[in-house]
Amino acid sequence: MNDRAGELEAAIPSDILDLAWKVLQAAKDGEVMLATAESCTGGLLAALLTDVSGFGRVFDRGFVSYSDRAKCDLLGIERQMVDDCGAVSRQVAEAMAKGALDRSQADIAVSVTGFAGPGAEDDEEGLVHFALATRDGALSRREEHFGPIGRDGVRIAALRVALTMMDESLAEIEIGV
């Protein structure tokens, strides 16, 4: 085990571990607090960001809002939005990130919502929406179509995208953009 990894090292690809360490180091250097709002990743991102010792002051909290009701209860999303747009949508991903930011002390909050495995007939397996909100009002979003690569494959791919979004946001803060 290297000094960048914790207990999750055996289950997570090394490029993701390295990216998580980079995000944590940039957040620590910039005195930036992080939060997550996760659905299809089920808390894996929060677990990854809290798995490495020495970075306890950069992660405020993680919201695991797997069900529609949890998205509303934990993150303050209007039920009508979930019903109208669907839990796996750009709008809900944005609301999740904003809700995590509003309900935490974080400077950056990232959200993940998607279909990790086979679902209902109209659910696109591997469709994942991401959003990142910052305390200064910036909002970015991504939509990925990973395809039917299995639950674990989608969840791992989603970690990579969410961490990349955080890394990009932290880089912008670092250079004052």
C-alpha atoms as a PDB file:
ATOM      1  CA  MET A   1       0.000   0.000   0.000  1.00  0.00           C
ATOM      2  CA  ASN A   2       1.398   3.405  -0.902  1.00  0.00           C
ATOM      3  CA  ASP A   3       1.014   6.535   1.228  1.00  0.00           C
ATOM      4  CA  ARG A   4      -1.769   7.837  -1.023  1.00  0.00           C
ATOM      5  CA  ALA A   5      -4.192   4.976  -0.504  1.00  0.00           C
ATOM      6  CA  GLY A   6      -6.207   3.619   2.340  1.00  0.00           C
ATOM      7  CA  GLU A   7      -8.328   0.525   2.686  1.00  0.00           C
ATOM      8  CA  LEU A   8     -10.012   0.963  -0.707  1.00  0.00           C
ATOM      9  CA  GLU A   9      -6.760   0.471  -2.615  1.00  0.00           C
ATOM     10  CA  ALA A  10      -7.529  -3.139  -3.555  1.00  0.00           C
ATOM     11  CA  ALA A  11     -10.936  -2.303  -5.061  1.00  0.00           C
ATOM     12  CA  ILE A  12     -10.260   0.979  -6.874  1.00  0.00           C
ATOM     13  CA  PRO A  13      -8.063   1.383  -9.991  1.00  0.00           C
ATOM     14  CA  SER A  14      -4.774   3.164  -9.317  1.00  0.00           C
ATOM     15  CA  ASP A  15      -5.542   6.093 -11.630  1.00  0.00           C
ATOM     16  CA  ILE A  16      -8.635   6.888  -9.553  1.00  0.00           C
ATOM     17  CA  LEU A  17      -6.681   6.594  -6.289  1.00  0.00           C
ATOM     18  CA  ASP A  18      -4.069   8.982  -7.701  1.00  0.00           C
ATOM     19  CA  LEU A  19      -6.770  11.407  -8.844  1.00  0.00           C
ATOM     20  CA  ALA A  20      -8.458  11.306  -5.423  1.00  0.00           C
ATOM     21  CA  TRP A  21      -5.138  12.051  -3.753  1.00  0.00           C
ATOM     22  CA  LYS A  22      -4.545  14.945  -6.174  1.00  0.00           C
ATOM     23  CA  VAL A  23      -8.011  16.382  -5.390  1.00  0.00           C
ATOM     24  CA  LEU A  24      -7.463  16.048  -1.654  1.00  0.00           C
ATOM     25  CA  GLN A  25      -4.022  17.657  -1.840  1.00  0.00           C
ATOM     26  CA  ALA A  26      -5.312  20.567  -3.951  1.00  0.00           C
ATOM     27  CA  ALA A  27      -8.232  21.080  -1.563  1.00  0.00           C
ATOM     28  CA  LYS A  28      -5.865  21.038   1.410  1.00  0.00           C
ATOM     29  CA  ASP A  29      -3.433  23.445  -0.252  1.00  0.00           C
ATOM     30  CA  GLY A  30      -6.260  25.794  -1.224  1.00  0.00           C
ATOM     31  CA  GLU A  31      -8.092  25.425   2.099  1.00  0.00           C
ATOM     32  CA  VAL A  32     -11.184  24.294   0.200  1.00  0.00           C
ATOM     33  CA  MET A  33     -13.867  22.148   1.826  1.00  0.00           C
ATOM     34  CA  LEU A  34     -15.561  19.390  -0.239  1.00  0.00           C
ATOM     35  CA  ALA A  35     -18.963  17.678  -0.124  1.00  0.00           C
ATOM     36  CA  THR A  36     -20.634  14.973  -2.199  1.00  0.00           C
ATOM     37  CA  ALA A  37     -24.223  14.094  -3.110  1.00  0.00           C
ATOM     38  CA  GLU A  38     -24.381  10.570  -4.474  1.00  0.00           C
ATOM     39  CA  SER A  39     -27.039   8.293  -5.825  1.00  0.00           C
ATOM     40  CA  CYS A  40     -25.762   5.519  -8.107  1.00  0.00           C
ATOM     41  CA  THR A  41     -22.282   5.543  -6.536  1.00  0.00           C
ATOM     42  CA  GLY A  42     -23.851   4.830  -3.146  1.00  0.00           C
ATOM     43  CA  GLY A  43     -21.277   6.764  -1.126  1.00  0.00           C
ATOM     44  CA  LEU A  44     -18.184   5.381  -2.855  1.00  0.00           C
ATOM     45  CA  LEU A  45     -16.926   8.879  -3.669  1.00  0.00           C
ATOM     46  CA  ALA A  46     -17.272  10.028  -0.052  1.00  0.00           C
ATOM     47  CA  ALA A  47     -15.593   6.816   1.107  1.00  0.00           C
ATOM     48  CA  LEU A  48     -12.719   7.396  -1.295  1.00  0.00           C
ATOM     49  CA  LEU A  49     -12.260  11.014  -0.177  1.00  0.00           C
ATOM     50  CA  THR A  50     -12.188   9.973   3.479  1.00  0.00           C
ATOM     51  CA  ASP A  51      -9.997   6.897   3.045  1.00  0.00           C
ATOM     52  CA  VAL A  52      -6.652   8.683   3.039  1.00  0.00           C
ATOM     53  CA  SER A  53      -5.319   9.946   6.342  1.00  0.00           C
ATOM     54  CA  GLY A  54      -4.140  13.519   6.681  1.00  0.00           C
ATOM     55  CA  PHE A  55      -6.996  15.163   4.795  1.00  0.00           C
ATOM     56  CA  GLY A  56      -9.735  15.213   7.422  1.00  0.00           C
ATOM     57  CA  ARG A  57     -10.154  18.981   7.251  1.00  0.00           C
ATOM     58  CA  VAL A  58     -11.032  19.094   3.540  1.00  0.00           C
ATOM     59  CA  PHE A  59     -14.101  16.858   3.489  1.00  0.00           C
ATOM     60  CA  ASP A  60     -17.200  18.204   5.218  1.00  0.00           C
ATOM     61  CA  ARG A  61     -19.847  15.595   4.441  1.00  0.00           C
ATOM     62  CA  GLY A  62     -21.378  13.219   1.958  1.00  0.00           C
ATOM     63  CA  PHE A  63     -25.044  12.741   1.207  1.00  0.00           C
ATOM     64  CA  VAL A  64     -26.101   9.312  -0.023  1.00  0.00           C
ATOM     65  CA  SER A  65     -29.472  10.000  -1.589  1.00  0.00           C
ATOM     66  CA  TYR A  66     -30.213   6.780  -3.396  1.00  0.00           C
ATOM     67  CA  SER A  67     -34.002   7.004  -3.371  1.00  0.00           C
ATOM     68  CA  ASP A  68     -36.152   9.789  -4.775  1.00  0.00           C
ATOM     69  CA  ARG A  69     -37.410  10.569  -1.288  1.00  0.00           C
ATOM     70  CA  ALA A  70     -33.867  10.822   0.065  1.00  0.00           C
ATOM     71  CA  LYS A  71     -32.995  13.346  -2.634  1.00  0.00           C
ATOM     72  CA  CYS A  72     -35.896  15.483  -1.431  1.00  0.00           C
ATOM     73  CA  ASP A  73     -35.409  14.938   2.311  1.00  0.00           C
ATOM     74  CA  LEU A  74     -31.621  15.243   2.471  1.00  0.00           C
ATOM     75  CA  LEU A  75     -30.942  17.772  -0.273  1.00  0.00           C
ATOM     76  CA  GLY A  76     -34.116  19.852  -0.321  1.00  0.00           C
ATOM     77  CA  ILE A  77     -35.085  18.976  -3.884  1.00  0.00           C
ATOM     78  CA  GLU A  78     -38.721  19.583  -4.752  1.00  0.00           C
ATOM     79  CA  ARG A  79     -40.562  16.308  -5.330  1.00  0.00           C
ATOM     80  CA  GLN A  80     -42.227  17.843  -8.388  1.00  0.00           C
ATOM     81  CA  MET A  81     -38.796  18.255 -10.034  1.00  0.00           C
ATOM     82  CA  VAL A  82     -37.944  14.602  -9.449  1.00  0.00           C
ATOM     83  CA  ASP A  83     -41.349  13.528 -10.769  1.00  0.00           C
ATOM     84  CA  ASP A  84     -41.226  15.822 -13.814  1.00  0.00           C
ATOM     85  CA  CYS A  85     -37.571  15.449 -14.812  1.00  0.00           C
ATOM     86  CA  GLY A  86     -36.717  12.040 -13.413  1.00  0.00           C
ATOM     87  CA  ALA A  87     -34.212  11.266 -10.697  1.00  0.00           C
ATOM     88  CA  VAL A  88     -31.599  10.658 -13.374  1.00  0.00           C
ATOM     89  CA  SER A  89     -31.557  14.030 -15.112  1.00  0.00           C
ATOM     90  CA  ARG A  90     -29.430  17.133 -15.536  1.00  0.00           C
ATOM     91  CA  GLN A  91     -31.889  19.149 -13.460  1.00  0.00           C
ATOM     92  CA  VAL A  92     -31.822  16.773 -10.514  1.00  0.00           C
ATOM     93  CA  ALA A  93     -28.019  16.475 -10.642  1.00  0.00           C
ATOM     94  CA  GLU A  94     -27.769  20.272 -10.490  1.00  0.00           C
ATOM     95  CA  ALA A  95     -30.266  20.456  -7.626  1.00  0.00           C
ATOM     96  CA  MET A  96     -28.361  17.731  -5.765  1.00  0.00           C
ATOM     97  CA  ALA A  97     -25.067  19.641  -6.016  1.00  0.00           C
ATOM     98  CA  LYS A  98     -26.710  22.906  -4.957  1.00  0.00           C
ATOM     99  CA  GLY A  99     -28.533  21.156  -2.113  1.00  0.00           C
ATOM    100  CA  ALA A 100     -25.304  19.592  -0.839  1.00  0.00           C
ATOM    101  CA  LEU A 101     -23.637  22.983  -0.938  1.00  0.00           C
ATOM    102  CA  ASP A 102     -26.551  24.654   0.855  1.00  0.00           C
ATOM    103  CA  ARG A 103     -26.656  21.973   3.558  1.00  0.00           C
ATOM    104  CA  SER A 104     -22.936  21.851   4.271  1.00  0.00           C
ATOM    105  CA  GLN A 105     -19.937  24.024   5.008  1.00  0.00           C
ATOM    106  CA  ALA A 106     -18.327  22.988   1.725  1.00  0.00           C
ATOM    107  CA  ASP A 107     -16.915  25.304  -0.910  1.00  0.00           C
ATOM    108  CA  ILE A 108     -17.374  22.690  -3.660  1.00  0.00           C
ATOM    109  CA  ALA A 109     -20.080  20.027  -3.909  1.00  0.00           C
ATOM    110  CA  VAL A 110     -20.303  17.386  -6.625  1.00  0.00           C
ATOM    111  CA  SER A 111     -23.315  15.206  -7.389  1.00  0.00           C
ATOM    112  CA  VAL A 112     -23.755  11.901  -9.196  1.00  0.00           C
ATOM    113  CA  THR A 113     -27.070  10.366 -10.292  1.00  0.00           C
ATOM    114  CA  GLY A 114     -27.518   7.616 -12.838  1.00  0.00           C
ATOM    115  CA  PHE A 115     -28.479   4.118 -13.844  1.00  0.00           C
ATOM    116  CA  ALA A 116     -25.625   1.835 -12.813  1.00  0.00           C
ATOM    117  CA  GLY A 117     -27.367  -1.367 -13.744  1.00  0.00           C
ATOM    118  CA  PRO A 118     -30.343  -2.646 -15.631  1.00  0.00           C
ATOM    119  CA  GLY A 119     -33.444  -0.786 -14.606  1.00  0.00           C
ATOM    120  CA  ALA A 120     -36.889  -0.187 -15.983  1.00  0.00           C
ATOM    121  CA  GLU A 121     -37.574  -0.562 -19.692  1.00  0.00           C
ATOM    122  CA  ASP A 122     -36.962   3.138 -20.429  1.00  0.00           C
ATOM    123  CA  ASP A 123     -33.828   3.439 -18.245  1.00  0.00           C
ATOM    124  CA  GLU A 124     -30.575   3.723 -20.175  1.00  0.00           C
ATOM    125  CA  GLU A 125     -28.043   1.552 -18.409  1.00  0.00           C
ATOM    126  CA  GLY A 126     -24.845   3.534 -17.898  1.00  0.00           C
ATOM    127  CA  LEU A 127     -26.463   6.993 -18.188  1.00  0.00           C
ATOM    128  CA  VAL A 128     -25.028   9.204 -15.448  1.00  0.00           C
ATOM    129  CA  HIS A 129     -25.509  12.912 -14.785  1.00  0.00           C
ATOM    130  CA  PHE A 130     -22.987  14.927 -12.787  1.00  0.00           C
ATOM    131  CA  ALA A 131     -23.030  18.470 -11.445  1.00  0.00           C
ATOM    132  CA  LEU A 132     -20.581  20.542  -9.466  1.00  0.00           C
ATOM    133  CA  ALA A 133     -21.558  23.671  -7.571  1.00  0.00           C
ATOM    134  CA  THR A 134     -19.206  26.125  -5.914  1.00  0.00           C
ATOM    135  CA  ARG A 135     -19.772  28.595  -3.131  1.00  0.00           C
ATOM    136  CA  ASP A 136     -19.131  31.469  -5.568  1.00  0.00           C
ATOM    137  CA  GLY A 137     -22.109  30.401  -7.695  1.00  0.00           C
ATOM    138  CA  ALA A 138     -20.362  28.485 -10.468  1.00  0.00           C
ATOM    139  CA  LEU A 139     -22.155  25.415 -11.775  1.00  0.00           C
ATOM    140  CA  SER A 140     -20.828  22.818 -14.175  1.00  0.00           C
ATOM    141  CA  ARG A 141     -22.424  19.640 -15.418  1.00  0.00           C
ATOM    142  CA  ARG A 142     -21.646  16.531 -17.416  1.00  0.00           C
ATOM    143  CA  GLU A 143     -23.650  13.733 -18.941  1.00  0.00           C
ATOM    144  CA  GLU A 144     -21.993  10.396 -19.627  1.00  0.00           C
ATOM    145  CA  HIS A 145     -23.277   7.355 -21.498  1.00  0.00           C
ATOM    146  CA  PHE A 146     -21.038   4.563 -20.199  1.00  0.00           C
ATOM    147  CA  GLY A 147     -23.233   1.845 -21.677  1.00  0.00           C
ATOM    148  CA  PRO A 148     -23.986  -1.594 -20.255  1.00  0.00           C
ATOM    149  CA  ILE A 149     -20.594  -2.128 -18.588  1.00  0.00           C
ATOM    150  CA  GLY A 150     -22.104  -3.499 -15.370  1.00  0.00           C
ATOM    151  CA  ARG A 151     -22.860  -1.877 -12.032  1.00  0.00           C
ATOM    152  CA  ASP A 152     -19.263  -1.896 -10.862  1.00  0.00           C
ATOM    153  CA  GLY A 153     -18.011  -0.568 -14.193  1.00  0.00           C
ATOM    154  CA  VAL A 154     -20.471   2.325 -14.176  1.00  0.00           C
ATOM    155  CA  ARG A 155     -19.738   3.191 -10.563  1.00  0.00           C
ATOM    156  CA  ILE A 156     -15.973   3.169 -11.123  1.00  0.00           C
ATOM    157  CA  ALA A 157     -16.316   5.255 -14.301  1.00  0.00           C
ATOM    158  CA  ALA A 158     -18.538   7.696 -12.393  1.00  0.00           C
ATOM    159  CA  LEU A 159     -15.888   8.099  -9.691  1.00  0.00           C
ATOM    160  CA  ARG A 160     -13.368   9.025 -12.369  1.00  0.00           C
ATOM    161  CA  VAL A 161     -15.637  11.708 -13.857  1.00  0.00           C
ATOM    162  CA  ALA A 162     -16.667  13.200 -10.492  1.00  0.00           C
ATOM    163  CA  LEU A 163     -13.047  13.411  -9.339  1.00  0.00           C
ATOM    164  CA  THR A 164     -12.012  14.962 -12.649  1.00  0.00           C
ATOM    165  CA  MET A 165     -14.701  17.622 -12.239  1.00  0.00           C
ATOM    166  CA  MET A 166     -13.450  18.376  -8.724  1.00  0.00           C
ATOM    167  CA  ASP A 167      -9.847  18.493  -9.933  1.00  0.00           C
ATOM    168  CA  GLU A 168     -10.757  20.932 -12.714  1.00  0.00           C
ATOM    169  CA  SER A 169     -12.688  23.150 -10.308  1.00  0.00           C
ATOM    170  CA  LEU A 170      -9.827  23.187  -7.812  1.00  0.00           C
ATOM    171  CA  ALA A 171      -7.380  24.054 -10.602  1.00  0.00           C
ATOM    172  CA  GLU A 172      -9.532  27.060 -11.519  1.00  0.00           C
ATOM    173  CA  ILE A 173      -9.538  28.221  -7.907  1.00  0.00           C
ATOM    174  CA  GLU A 174      -5.775  27.733  -7.728  1.00  0.00           C
ATOM    175  CA  ILE A 175      -5.068  29.923 -10.754  1.00  0.00           C
ATOM    176  CA  GLY A 176      -7.725  32.456  -9.814  1.00  0.00           C
ATOM    177  CA  VAL A 177      -9.962  31.946 -12.835  1.00  0.00           C
END
